[in-house]
Amino acid sequence: MIKLLLVDDHEIVRTGIRRILEDIHDFKVVGEVHNGEEAIKFCRNHAPDVVLMDMNMPGIGGLEATKQIIHYAQDSRVIVLSVQKENPIPARVMQMGAFGYLTKSAEPKEMINAIRKVAAGQRYIAPEIAQQIAIGQLNLQETSPFEQLSKRELEITIMLTKGTRVPEIADKLNISAKTVNTYRYRMFEKLRVGSDVELTHLAIRHNLIDSDNL
């Protein structure tokens, strides 16, 4: 029996996924949570086999939650579910140690196949995602400017573009506000932007975030 945790801040999304999975005889949805903090806590206490992780959520978000689950709950394997198909997020997530990456437009059959492969210890990347990663590696001139950011800088970038304030970011990442601002100004220099608004516009332009979720 494959034990599954669903992580998404939209109840309707979790309900839809649960209805698909509960009809599969060897799947069991053992938990549903609505943010990254709860996902980390659940995995440390219950160790589900596979975590279906949304990327864009309030709080620390899917990227940081995935990172911490990989570190603290190594028996739980993460499959990221996201609307984002283009780098740098998919490549970074897989490099970080996630076992799978699917788009939210994936057919139920593909999701079921991905879960089985990941539960068996194999990695799974949706074909269109794998193609985008390959193209990005081959054509360096068209890579996203966000590729140059470190993992921590990318995490903070995503939080800033969601309107999260510096003190809140510091609290969620267990670092000081001064350290957050140091990362922030370093990111601004690398990306050649002068404000959080410019940062958000750049992120939308390069498909780092979905403007519909802002």
C-alpha atoms as a PDB file:
ATOM      1  CA  MET A   1       0.000   0.000   0.000  1.00  0.00           C
ATOM      2  CA  ILE A   2       1.400   3.409  -1.026  1.00  0.00           C
ATOM      3  CA  LYS A   3       0.682   6.047   1.632  1.00  0.00           C
ATOM      4  CA  LEU A   4       0.117   9.549   0.231  1.00  0.00           C
ATOM      5  CA  LEU A   5       0.091  13.080   1.628  1.00  0.00           C
ATOM      6  CA  LEU A   6      -1.654  15.845  -0.343  1.00  0.00           C
ATOM      7  CA  VAL A   7      -0.293  19.377   0.124  1.00  0.00           C
ATOM      8  CA  ASP A   8      -2.227  22.270  -1.449  1.00  0.00           C
ATOM      9  CA  ASP A   9      -3.770  25.431  -0.048  1.00  0.00           C
ATOM     10  CA  HIS A  10      -6.897  24.965  -2.196  1.00  0.00           C
ATOM     11  CA  GLU A  11      -9.329  22.444  -0.727  1.00  0.00           C
ATOM     12  CA  ILE A  12     -11.023  21.930  -4.085  1.00  0.00           C
ATOM     13  CA  VAL A  13      -7.695  20.852  -5.613  1.00  0.00           C
ATOM     14  CA  ARG A  14      -7.007  18.404  -2.783  1.00  0.00           C
ATOM     15  CA  THR A  15     -10.535  17.007  -3.094  1.00  0.00           C
ATOM     16  CA  GLY A  16     -10.141  16.461  -6.818  1.00  0.00           C
ATOM     17  CA  ILE A  17      -6.815  14.686  -6.436  1.00  0.00           C
ATOM     18  CA  ARG A  18      -8.085  12.588  -3.527  1.00  0.00           C
ATOM     19  CA  ARG A  19     -11.074  11.395  -5.566  1.00  0.00           C
ATOM     20  CA  ILE A  20      -8.756  10.290  -8.338  1.00  0.00           C
ATOM     21  CA  LEU A  21      -6.390   8.446  -6.008  1.00  0.00           C
ATOM     22  CA  GLU A  22      -8.833   6.818  -3.585  1.00  0.00           C
ATOM     23  CA  ASP A  23     -10.164   4.628  -6.398  1.00  0.00           C
ATOM     24  CA  ILE A  24      -6.719   3.019  -6.845  1.00  0.00           C
ATOM     25  CA  HIS A  25      -6.589  -0.179  -4.790  1.00  0.00           C
ATOM     26  CA  ASP A  26      -2.946   0.137  -3.692  1.00  0.00           C
ATOM     27  CA  PHE A  27      -3.101   3.871  -2.842  1.00  0.00           C
ATOM     28  CA  LYS A  28      -4.138   5.341   0.504  1.00  0.00           C
ATOM     29  CA  VAL A  29      -4.395   9.087   1.168  1.00  0.00           C
ATOM     30  CA  VAL A  30      -3.243   9.284   4.798  1.00  0.00           C
ATOM     31  CA  GLY A  31      -3.244  13.065   5.125  1.00  0.00           C
ATOM     32  CA  GLU A  32      -4.135  16.438   3.631  1.00  0.00           C
ATOM     33  CA  VAL A  33      -2.543  19.737   4.655  1.00  0.00           C
ATOM     34  CA  HIS A  34      -2.818  23.276   3.317  1.00  0.00           C
ATOM     35  CA  ASN A  35       0.703  24.672   3.726  1.00  0.00           C
ATOM     36  CA  GLY A  36       4.382  23.798   3.799  1.00  0.00           C
ATOM     37  CA  GLU A  37       4.776  24.036   7.556  1.00  0.00           C
ATOM     38  CA  GLU A  38       2.070  21.439   8.150  1.00  0.00           C
ATOM     39  CA  ALA A  39       3.550  19.213   5.430  1.00  0.00           C
ATOM     40  CA  ILE A  40       6.937  19.153   7.151  1.00  0.00           C
ATOM     41  CA  LYS A  41       5.345  18.367  10.509  1.00  0.00           C
ATOM     42  CA  PHE A  42       3.192  15.587   9.050  1.00  0.00           C
ATOM     43  CA  CYS A  43       6.112  13.951   7.256  1.00  0.00           C
ATOM     44  CA  ARG A  44       8.291  13.981  10.366  1.00  0.00           C
ATOM     45  CA  ASN A  45       5.528  12.368  12.423  1.00  0.00           C
ATOM     46  CA  HIS A  46       3.946   9.961   9.923  1.00  0.00           C
ATOM     47  CA  ALA A  47       6.450   9.391   7.050  1.00  0.00           C
ATOM     48  CA  PRO A  48       4.088   8.996   4.069  1.00  0.00           C
ATOM     49  CA  ASP A  49       5.622   7.208   1.094  1.00  0.00           C
ATOM     50  CA  VAL A  50       4.848   9.944  -1.426  1.00  0.00           C
ATOM     51  CA  VAL A  51       4.054  13.642  -0.963  1.00  0.00           C
ATOM     52  CA  LEU A  52       2.182  15.511  -3.702  1.00  0.00           C
ATOM     53  CA  MET A  53       3.446  19.049  -3.114  1.00  0.00           C
ATOM     54  CA  ASP A  54       1.989  22.277  -4.474  1.00  0.00           C
ATOM     55  CA  MET A  55       4.625  24.947  -5.208  1.00  0.00           C
ATOM     56  CA  ASN A  56       2.721  28.182  -4.608  1.00  0.00           C
ATOM     57  CA  MET A  57       1.235  28.334  -1.113  1.00  0.00           C
ATOM     58  CA  PRO A  58       1.073  30.827   1.729  1.00  0.00           C
ATOM     59  CA  GLY A  59       3.842  30.575   4.297  1.00  0.00           C
ATOM     60  CA  ILE A  60       7.181  29.040   3.433  1.00  0.00           C
ATOM     61  CA  GLY A  61       5.860  27.638   0.148  1.00  0.00           C
ATOM     62  CA  GLY A  62       6.506  24.379  -1.635  1.00  0.00           C
ATOM     63  CA  LEU A  63      10.170  24.963  -2.443  1.00  0.00           C
ATOM     64  CA  GLU A  64      11.303  25.360   1.160  1.00  0.00           C
ATOM     65  CA  ALA A  65       8.905  22.637   2.356  1.00  0.00           C
ATOM     66  CA  THR A  66      10.333  20.217  -0.206  1.00  0.00           C
ATOM     67  CA  LYS A  67      13.868  21.055   0.898  1.00  0.00           C
ATOM     68  CA  GLN A  68      13.068  20.410   4.568  1.00  0.00           C
ATOM     69  CA  ILE A  69      11.149  17.191   3.932  1.00  0.00           C
ATOM     70  CA  ILE A  70      14.079  15.849   1.918  1.00  0.00           C
ATOM     71  CA  HIS A  71      16.367  16.721   4.824  1.00  0.00           C
ATOM     72  CA  TYR A  72      14.256  15.705   7.822  1.00  0.00           C
ATOM     73  CA  ALA A  73      11.941  12.981   6.441  1.00  0.00           C
ATOM     74  CA  GLN A  74      14.073  11.026   4.007  1.00  0.00           C
ATOM     75  CA  ASP A  75      11.603   8.132   3.774  1.00  0.00           C
ATOM     76  CA  SER A  76       9.041  10.470   2.172  1.00  0.00           C
ATOM     77  CA  ARG A  77       9.532  11.164  -1.538  1.00  0.00           C
ATOM     78  CA  VAL A  78       8.223  14.417  -2.985  1.00  0.00           C
ATOM     79  CA  ILE A  79       6.427  14.906  -6.285  1.00  0.00           C
ATOM     80  CA  VAL A  80       5.936  18.594  -7.048  1.00  0.00           C
ATOM     81  CA  LEU A  81       2.659  19.644  -8.669  1.00  0.00           C
ATOM     82  CA  SER A  82       2.879  23.080 -10.267  1.00  0.00           C
ATOM     83  CA  VAL A  83       1.503  25.262 -13.029  1.00  0.00           C
ATOM     84  CA  GLN A  84       5.089  26.237 -13.858  1.00  0.00           C
ATOM     85  CA  LYS A  85       6.699  24.385 -16.740  1.00  0.00           C
ATOM     86  CA  GLU A  86       9.838  26.421 -17.340  1.00  0.00           C
ATOM     87  CA  ASN A  87      13.189  26.753 -15.601  1.00  0.00           C
ATOM     88  CA  PRO A  88      14.624  27.482 -13.141  1.00  0.00           C
ATOM     89  CA  ILE A  89      12.053  25.978 -10.745  1.00  0.00           C
ATOM     90  CA  PRO A  90      11.741  22.429 -12.206  1.00  0.00           C
ATOM     91  CA  ALA A  91      15.498  21.953 -12.532  1.00  0.00           C
ATOM     92  CA  ARG A  92      16.180  23.362  -9.052  1.00  0.00           C
ATOM     93  CA  VAL A  93      13.499  21.198  -7.452  1.00  0.00           C
ATOM     94  CA  MET A  94      14.930  18.044  -9.002  1.00  0.00           C
ATOM     95  CA  GLN A  95      18.492  19.040  -8.114  1.00  0.00           C
ATOM     96  CA  MET A  96      17.304  19.621  -4.557  1.00  0.00           C
ATOM     97  CA  GLY A  97      16.251  15.968  -4.314  1.00  0.00           C
ATOM     98  CA  ALA A  98      12.566  15.828  -5.285  1.00  0.00           C
ATOM     99  CA  PHE A  99      11.630  12.576  -7.001  1.00  0.00           C
ATOM    100  CA  GLY A 100       9.081  13.968  -9.429  1.00  0.00           C
ATOM    101  CA  TYR A 101       7.680  17.045 -11.143  1.00  0.00           C
ATOM    102  CA  LEU A 102       4.225  17.192 -12.734  1.00  0.00           C
ATOM    103  CA  THR A 103       2.123  20.033 -14.057  1.00  0.00           C
ATOM    104  CA  LYS A 104      -1.366  20.505 -12.654  1.00  0.00           C
ATOM    105  CA  SER A 105      -2.699  19.819 -16.141  1.00  0.00           C
ATOM    106  CA  ALA A 106      -1.401  16.241 -15.983  1.00  0.00           C
ATOM    107  CA  GLU A 107      -3.889  13.502 -16.812  1.00  0.00           C
ATOM    108  CA  PRO A 108      -4.903  11.201 -13.911  1.00  0.00           C
ATOM    109  CA  LYS A 109      -3.194   8.274 -15.655  1.00  0.00           C
ATOM    110  CA  GLU A 110       0.124  10.158 -15.703  1.00  0.00           C
ATOM    111  CA  MET A 111      -0.188  11.129 -12.030  1.00  0.00           C
ATOM    112  CA  ILE A 112      -0.876   7.521 -11.032  1.00  0.00           C
ATOM    113  CA  ASN A 113       2.078   6.329 -13.105  1.00  0.00           C
ATOM    114  CA  ALA A 114       4.361   8.965 -11.555  1.00  0.00           C
ATOM    115  CA  ILE A 115       3.334   8.002  -8.018  1.00  0.00           C
ATOM    116  CA  ARG A 116       4.045   4.322  -8.657  1.00  0.00           C
ATOM    117  CA  LYS A 117       7.439   5.056 -10.171  1.00  0.00           C
ATOM    118  CA  VAL A 118       8.445   7.401  -7.340  1.00  0.00           C
ATOM    119  CA  ALA A 119       7.230   4.969  -4.672  1.00  0.00           C
ATOM    120  CA  ALA A 120       9.462   2.356  -6.325  1.00  0.00           C
ATOM    121  CA  GLY A 121      12.465   4.669  -6.051  1.00  0.00           C
ATOM    122  CA  GLN A 122      12.488   6.003  -9.617  1.00  0.00           C
ATOM    123  CA  ARG A 123      12.389   9.649 -10.626  1.00  0.00           C
ATOM    124  CA  TYR A 124       9.636  11.007 -12.855  1.00  0.00           C
ATOM    125  CA  ILE A 125       9.530  14.283 -14.781  1.00  0.00           C
ATOM    126  CA  ALA A 126       6.594  15.149 -17.012  1.00  0.00           C
ATOM    127  CA  PRO A 127       7.744  14.975 -20.662  1.00  0.00           C
ATOM    128  CA  GLU A 128       7.092  18.671 -21.362  1.00  0.00           C
ATOM    129  CA  ILE A 129       9.084  19.614 -18.247  1.00  0.00           C
ATOM    130  CA  ALA A 130      11.975  17.358 -19.217  1.00  0.00           C
ATOM    131  CA  GLN A 131      12.003  18.999 -22.660  1.00  0.00           C
ATOM    132  CA  GLN A 132      12.135  22.491 -21.154  1.00  0.00           C
ATOM    133  CA  ILE A 133      15.050  21.495 -18.907  1.00  0.00           C
ATOM    134  CA  ALA A 134      16.918  19.973 -21.850  1.00  0.00           C
ATOM    135  CA  ILE A 135      16.340  23.039 -24.025  1.00  0.00           C
ATOM    136  CA  GLY A 136      17.538  25.313 -21.243  1.00  0.00           C
ATOM    137  CA  GLN A 137      20.729  23.307 -20.865  1.00  0.00           C
ATOM    138  CA  LEU A 138      21.408  23.313 -24.605  1.00  0.00           C
ATOM    139  CA  ASN A 139      20.577  26.960 -25.297  1.00  0.00           C
ATOM    140  CA  LEU A 140      22.331  28.932 -22.605  1.00  0.00           C
ATOM    141  CA  GLN A 141      21.522  32.278 -24.242  1.00  0.00           C
ATOM    142  CA  GLU A 142      17.825  31.845 -23.469  1.00  0.00           C
ATOM    143  CA  THR A 143      18.086  30.695 -19.877  1.00  0.00           C
ATOM    144  CA  SER A 144      16.233  32.600 -17.192  1.00  0.00           C
ATOM    145  CA  PRO A 145      18.158  35.293 -15.277  1.00  0.00           C
ATOM    146  CA  PHE A 146      16.938  33.514 -12.127  1.00  0.00           C
ATOM    147  CA  GLU A 147      19.268  30.605 -12.952  1.00  0.00           C
ATOM    148  CA  GLN A 148      22.135  32.560 -11.377  1.00  0.00           C
ATOM    149  CA  LEU A 149      20.466  32.704  -7.967  1.00  0.00           C
ATOM    150  CA  SER A 150      21.373  30.344  -5.148  1.00  0.00           C
ATOM    151  CA  LYS A 151      18.694  28.070  -3.692  1.00  0.00           C
ATOM    152  CA  ARG A 152      18.194  30.393  -0.722  1.00  0.00           C
ATOM    153  CA  GLU A 153      18.028  33.469  -2.968  1.00  0.00           C
ATOM    154  CA  LEU A 154      15.442  31.746  -5.131  1.00  0.00           C
ATOM    155  CA  GLU A 155      13.350  30.842  -2.068  1.00  0.00           C
ATOM    156  CA  ILE A 156      13.409  34.439  -0.848  1.00  0.00           C
ATOM    157  CA  THR A 157      12.625  35.737  -4.345  1.00  0.00           C
ATOM    158  CA  ILE A 158       9.474  33.637  -4.518  1.00  0.00           C
ATOM    159  CA  MET A 159       8.360  34.764  -1.066  1.00  0.00           C
ATOM    160  CA  LEU A 160       8.967  38.425  -1.900  1.00  0.00           C
ATOM    161  CA  THR A 161       6.971  38.159  -5.128  1.00  0.00           C
ATOM    162  CA  LYS A 162       4.056  36.798  -3.087  1.00  0.00           C
ATOM    163  CA  GLY A 163       4.127  39.925  -0.946  1.00  0.00           C
ATOM    164  CA  THR A 164       5.688  38.313   2.127  1.00  0.00           C
ATOM    165  CA  ARG A 165       7.339  40.942   4.334  1.00  0.00           C
ATOM    166  CA  VAL A 166      11.002  40.685   5.335  1.00  0.00           C
ATOM    167  CA  PRO A 167      10.345  40.017   9.072  1.00  0.00           C
ATOM    168  CA  GLU A 168       7.935  37.213   8.153  1.00  0.00           C
ATOM    169  CA  ILE A 169      10.455  35.675   5.731  1.00  0.00           C
ATOM    170  CA  ALA A 170      13.099  35.823   8.443  1.00  0.00           C
ATOM    171  CA  ASP A 171      10.782  34.083  10.893  1.00  0.00           C
ATOM    172  CA  LYS A 172       9.773  31.342   8.482  1.00  0.00           C
ATOM    173  CA  LEU A 173      13.341  30.616   7.345  1.00  0.00           C
ATOM    174  CA  ASN A 174      14.841  30.941  10.858  1.00  0.00           C
ATOM    175  CA  ILE A 175      17.290  33.659   9.837  1.00  0.00           C
ATOM    176  CA  SER A 176      17.572  37.325  10.806  1.00  0.00           C
ATOM    177  CA  ALA A 177      15.823  40.145   8.954  1.00  0.00           C
ATOM    178  CA  LYS A 178      19.272  41.604   8.280  1.00  0.00           C
ATOM    179  CA  THR A 179      20.300  38.379   6.555  1.00  0.00           C
ATOM    180  CA  VAL A 180      17.121  38.421   4.460  1.00  0.00           C
ATOM    181  CA  ASN A 181      17.878  41.969   3.351  1.00  0.00           C
ATOM    182  CA  THR A 182      21.457  40.977   2.506  1.00  0.00           C
ATOM    183  CA  TYR A 183      20.113  38.247   0.228  1.00  0.00           C
ATOM    184  CA  ARG A 184      17.535  40.669  -1.161  1.00  0.00           C
ATOM    185  CA  TYR A 185      20.058  43.315  -2.192  1.00  0.00           C
ATOM    186  CA  ARG A 186      22.365  40.653  -3.617  1.00  0.00           C
ATOM    187  CA  MET A 187      19.467  39.352  -5.711  1.00  0.00           C
ATOM    188  CA  PHE A 188      18.634  42.865  -6.905  1.00  0.00           C
ATOM    189  CA  GLU A 189      22.228  43.307  -8.075  1.00  0.00           C
ATOM    190  CA  LYS A 190      22.299  39.976  -9.896  1.00  0.00           C
ATOM    191  CA  LEU A 191      18.938  40.551 -11.574  1.00  0.00           C
ATOM    192  CA  ARG A 192      19.454  44.291 -12.145  1.00  0.00           C
ATOM    193  CA  VAL A 193      16.207  45.327 -10.505  1.00  0.00           C
ATOM    194  CA  GLY A 194      15.637  48.103  -7.982  1.00  0.00           C
ATOM    195  CA  SER A 195      12.511  47.098  -6.092  1.00  0.00           C
ATOM    196  CA  ASP A 196      10.224  44.225  -5.142  1.00  0.00           C
ATOM    197  CA  VAL A 197       7.771  45.411  -7.804  1.00  0.00           C
ATOM    198  CA  GLU A 198      10.428  45.172 -10.526  1.00  0.00           C
ATOM    199  CA  LEU A 199      11.437  41.778  -9.138  1.00  0.00           C
ATOM    200  CA  THR A 200       7.838  40.560  -9.397  1.00  0.00           C
ATOM    201  CA  HIS A 201       7.458  41.823 -12.959  1.00  0.00           C
ATOM    202  CA  LEU A 202      10.680  40.049 -13.940  1.00  0.00           C
ATOM    203  CA  ALA A 203       9.511  36.845 -12.274  1.00  0.00           C
ATOM    204  CA  ILE A 204       6.216  36.939 -14.178  1.00  0.00           C
ATOM    205  CA  ARG A 205       7.998  37.651 -17.463  1.00  0.00           C
ATOM    206  CA  HIS A 206      10.215  34.603 -17.042  1.00  0.00           C
ATOM    207  CA  ASN A 207       7.414  32.342 -15.757  1.00  0.00           C
ATOM    208  CA  LEU A 208       8.950  31.955 -12.338  1.00  0.00           C
ATOM    209  CA  ILE A 209       5.539  32.726 -10.828  1.00  0.00           C
ATOM    210  CA  ASP A 210       1.986  32.681 -12.113  1.00  0.00           C
ATOM    211  CA  SER A 211       0.417  36.139 -12.126  1.00  0.00           C
ATOM    212  CA  ASP A 212      -3.019  34.571 -11.539  1.00  0.00           C
ATOM    213  CA  ASN A 213      -1.867  33.492  -8.063  1.00  0.00           C
ATOM    214  CA  LEU A 214      -0.768  36.980  -6.960  1.00  0.00           C
END
